[in-house]
N, C-alpha and C. Protein backbone atom coordinates (compact mmCIF):
# COMPACT_ATOMS: atom_id res chain seq x y z
N MET A 1 31.08 164.36 141.56
CA MET A 1 31.84 163.29 140.98
C MET A 1 32.15 163.57 139.51
N LYS A 2 31.21 164.13 138.77
CA LYS A 2 31.45 164.38 137.35
C LYS A 2 32.56 165.40 137.15
N THR A 3 32.61 166.41 138.00
CA THR A 3 33.66 167.43 137.83
C THR A 3 35.04 166.82 138.08
N ASP A 4 35.12 165.89 139.01
CA ASP A 4 36.40 165.24 139.30
C ASP A 4 36.87 164.44 138.08
N SER A 5 35.95 163.75 137.43
CA SER A 5 36.30 162.94 136.26
C SER A 5 36.71 163.81 135.08
N THR A 6 36.02 164.93 134.86
CA THR A 6 36.38 165.83 133.75
C THR A 6 37.72 166.50 134.02
N GLU A 7 38.00 166.83 135.27
CA GLU A 7 39.30 167.42 135.61
C GLU A 7 40.41 166.40 135.35
N ASN A 8 40.15 165.15 135.67
CA ASN A 8 41.11 164.08 135.42
C ASN A 8 41.40 163.96 133.94
N LYS A 9 40.36 164.02 133.12
CA LYS A 9 40.53 163.90 131.67
C LYS A 9 41.34 165.08 131.13
N LYS A 10 41.06 166.28 131.65
CA LYS A 10 41.79 167.45 131.19
C LYS A 10 43.27 167.33 131.54
N THR A 11 43.56 166.89 132.75
CA THR A 11 44.96 166.79 133.13
C THR A 11 45.65 165.71 132.32
N THR A 12 44.96 164.63 132.02
CA THR A 12 45.55 163.58 131.20
C THR A 12 45.79 164.10 129.78
N ALA A 13 44.85 164.83 129.25
CA ALA A 13 45.01 165.40 127.92
C ALA A 13 46.15 166.42 127.91
N ASP A 14 46.23 167.22 128.96
CA ASP A 14 47.31 168.21 129.06
C ASP A 14 48.67 167.53 129.14
N LYS A 15 48.71 166.45 129.93
CA LYS A 15 49.97 165.70 130.05
C LYS A 15 50.38 165.10 128.71
N ALA A 16 49.41 164.54 127.99
CA ALA A 16 49.70 163.94 126.69
C ALA A 16 50.17 165.00 125.70
N GLN A 17 49.53 166.14 125.73
CA GLN A 17 49.93 167.23 124.83
C GLN A 17 51.33 167.74 125.17
N ALA A 18 51.62 167.88 126.44
CA ALA A 18 52.94 168.33 126.86
C ALA A 18 54.02 167.32 126.46
N ALA A 19 53.72 166.04 126.61
CA ALA A 19 54.67 165.00 126.22
C ALA A 19 54.91 165.01 124.72
N LEU A 20 53.85 165.21 123.96
CA LEU A 20 53.97 165.26 122.50
C LEU A 20 54.81 166.45 122.07
N ILE A 21 54.57 167.59 122.66
CA ILE A 21 55.34 168.79 122.32
C ILE A 21 56.80 168.61 122.69
N ALA A 22 57.07 168.00 123.83
CA ALA A 22 58.45 167.75 124.24
C ALA A 22 59.14 166.81 123.26
N ARG A 23 58.44 165.77 122.84
CA ARG A 23 59.03 164.80 121.90
C ARG A 23 59.29 165.44 120.54
N LEU A 24 58.36 166.24 120.07
CA LEU A 24 58.55 166.93 118.80
C LEU A 24 59.73 167.89 118.87
N GLY A 25 59.89 168.53 120.02
CA GLY A 25 61.04 169.42 120.21
C GLY A 25 62.35 168.66 120.15
N GLN A 26 62.39 167.47 120.71
CA GLN A 26 63.59 166.64 120.66
C GLN A 26 63.90 166.22 119.22
N LEU A 27 62.87 165.82 118.50
CA LEU A 27 63.06 165.39 117.12
C LEU A 27 63.52 166.55 116.24
N ASP A 28 63.02 167.74 116.55
CA ASP A 28 63.38 168.92 115.77
C ASP A 28 64.85 169.25 115.96
N ARG A 29 65.36 169.08 117.17
CA ARG A 29 66.77 169.40 117.46
C ARG A 29 67.71 168.34 116.92
N LYS A 30 67.25 167.09 116.90
CA LYS A 30 68.11 165.98 116.50
C LYS A 30 68.22 165.96 114.97
N GLU A 31 69.45 165.88 114.48
CA GLU A 31 69.66 165.80 113.04
C GLU A 31 69.50 164.34 112.63
N ILE A 32 68.54 164.10 111.79
CA ILE A 32 68.26 162.74 111.36
C ILE A 32 68.91 162.52 110.00
N ARG A 33 69.79 161.56 109.94
CA ARG A 33 70.45 161.25 108.68
C ARG A 33 69.84 159.97 108.13
N VAL A 34 69.34 160.07 106.93
CA VAL A 34 68.74 158.92 106.28
C VAL A 34 69.59 158.61 105.05
N ARG A 35 70.08 157.40 104.99
CA ARG A 35 70.88 157.00 103.83
C ARG A 35 69.96 156.50 102.74
N PRO A 36 70.20 156.92 101.51
CA PRO A 36 69.38 156.41 100.42
C PRO A 36 69.68 154.95 100.17
N PRO A 37 68.75 154.22 99.61
CA PRO A 37 69.02 152.81 99.31
C PRO A 37 70.15 152.69 98.31
N LYS A 38 70.79 151.54 98.30
CA LYS A 38 71.94 151.30 97.42
C LYS A 38 71.60 151.60 95.96
N SER A 39 70.40 151.27 95.57
CA SER A 39 70.02 151.46 94.17
C SER A 39 70.01 152.93 93.77
N LEU A 40 69.85 153.84 94.73
CA LEU A 40 69.80 155.27 94.42
C LEU A 40 71.15 155.95 94.62
N GLN A 41 72.14 155.24 95.13
CA GLN A 41 73.45 155.85 95.31
C GLN A 41 74.14 155.96 93.97
N PRO A 42 74.93 157.02 93.78
CA PRO A 42 75.55 157.21 92.48
C PRO A 42 76.61 156.15 92.20
N THR A 43 76.83 155.92 90.93
CA THR A 43 77.90 155.01 90.53
C THR A 43 79.23 155.68 90.85
N PRO A 44 80.31 154.93 90.94
CA PRO A 44 81.61 155.56 91.23
C PRO A 44 81.98 156.64 90.22
N GLU A 45 81.62 156.44 88.96
CA GLU A 45 81.92 157.44 87.93
C GLU A 45 81.14 158.73 88.19
N ALA A 46 79.88 158.59 88.54
CA ALA A 46 79.04 159.75 88.81
C ALA A 46 79.54 160.47 90.07
N ALA A 47 79.96 159.71 91.06
CA ALA A 47 80.46 160.32 92.30
C ALA A 47 81.73 161.12 92.02
N LYS A 48 82.60 160.59 91.15
CA LYS A 48 83.84 161.29 90.81
C LYS A 48 83.54 162.61 90.10
N SER A 49 82.60 162.57 89.17
CA SER A 49 82.28 163.79 88.44
C SER A 49 81.63 164.82 89.36
N ARG A 50 80.87 164.34 90.32
CA ARG A 50 80.24 165.25 91.28
C ARG A 50 81.29 165.91 92.14
N VAL A 51 82.26 165.13 92.62
CA VAL A 51 83.34 165.67 93.44
C VAL A 51 84.12 166.70 92.62
N ARG A 52 84.41 166.37 91.38
CA ARG A 52 85.16 167.28 90.50
C ARG A 52 84.39 168.59 90.32
N ARG A 53 83.08 168.48 90.08
CA ARG A 53 82.25 169.66 89.87
C ARG A 53 82.21 170.54 91.12
N LEU A 54 82.05 169.92 92.29
CA LEU A 54 82.00 170.68 93.54
C LEU A 54 83.34 171.33 93.86
N ARG A 55 84.42 170.61 93.57
CA ARG A 55 85.75 171.17 93.81
C ARG A 55 85.97 172.40 92.92
N LYS A 56 85.55 172.28 91.66
CA LYS A 56 85.70 173.40 90.73
C LYS A 56 84.88 174.60 91.20
N LYS A 57 83.68 174.34 91.67
CA LYS A 57 82.80 175.40 92.17
C LYS A 57 83.43 176.10 93.37
N ARG A 58 83.99 175.31 94.30
CA ARG A 58 84.63 175.87 95.48
C ARG A 58 85.82 176.75 95.09
N LEU A 59 86.62 176.28 94.13
CA LEU A 59 87.76 177.08 93.67
C LEU A 59 87.30 178.39 93.04
N LEU A 60 86.26 178.33 92.24
CA LEU A 60 85.74 179.55 91.62
C LEU A 60 85.24 180.54 92.68
N LEU A 61 84.58 180.03 93.71
CA LEU A 61 84.10 180.89 94.78
C LEU A 61 85.26 181.53 95.53
N GLN A 62 86.30 180.74 95.81
CA GLN A 62 87.46 181.29 96.51
C GLN A 62 88.13 182.37 95.68
N ARG A 63 88.26 182.15 94.36
CA ARG A 63 88.88 183.14 93.48
C ARG A 63 88.06 184.41 93.44
N SER A 64 86.74 184.27 93.37
CA SER A 64 85.90 185.47 93.30
C SER A 64 85.96 186.25 94.61
N LYS A 65 86.11 185.55 95.74
CA LYS A 65 86.25 186.25 97.03
C LYS A 65 87.56 187.01 97.09
N ARG A 66 88.63 186.41 96.58
CA ARG A 66 89.94 187.08 96.57
C ARG A 66 89.91 188.33 95.71
N VAL A 67 89.30 188.23 94.55
CA VAL A 67 89.22 189.37 93.63
C VAL A 67 88.39 190.48 94.27
N GLY A 68 87.30 190.12 94.92
CA GLY A 68 86.43 191.11 95.54
C GLY A 68 87.08 191.80 96.72
N SER A 69 87.93 191.10 97.45
CA SER A 69 88.55 191.70 98.65
C SER A 69 89.76 192.57 98.31
N GLU A 70 90.36 192.37 97.13
CA GLU A 70 91.55 193.16 96.78
C GLU A 70 91.20 194.54 96.29
């Protein structure tokens, strides 16, 4: 009787572990997007300057790629 009960516990533990691993695998594949609270979002002025800075960076990268390929 004791061996039957320990086998049951092992299979339950194995099932729980397999379910946990499967769930973690799903979470790993799923891209989770978390929005910051309103208080941490940039002001419209800051957002504009960020867009301007990123646009300038992209243009510089494109120019450097053109120069390198010619």
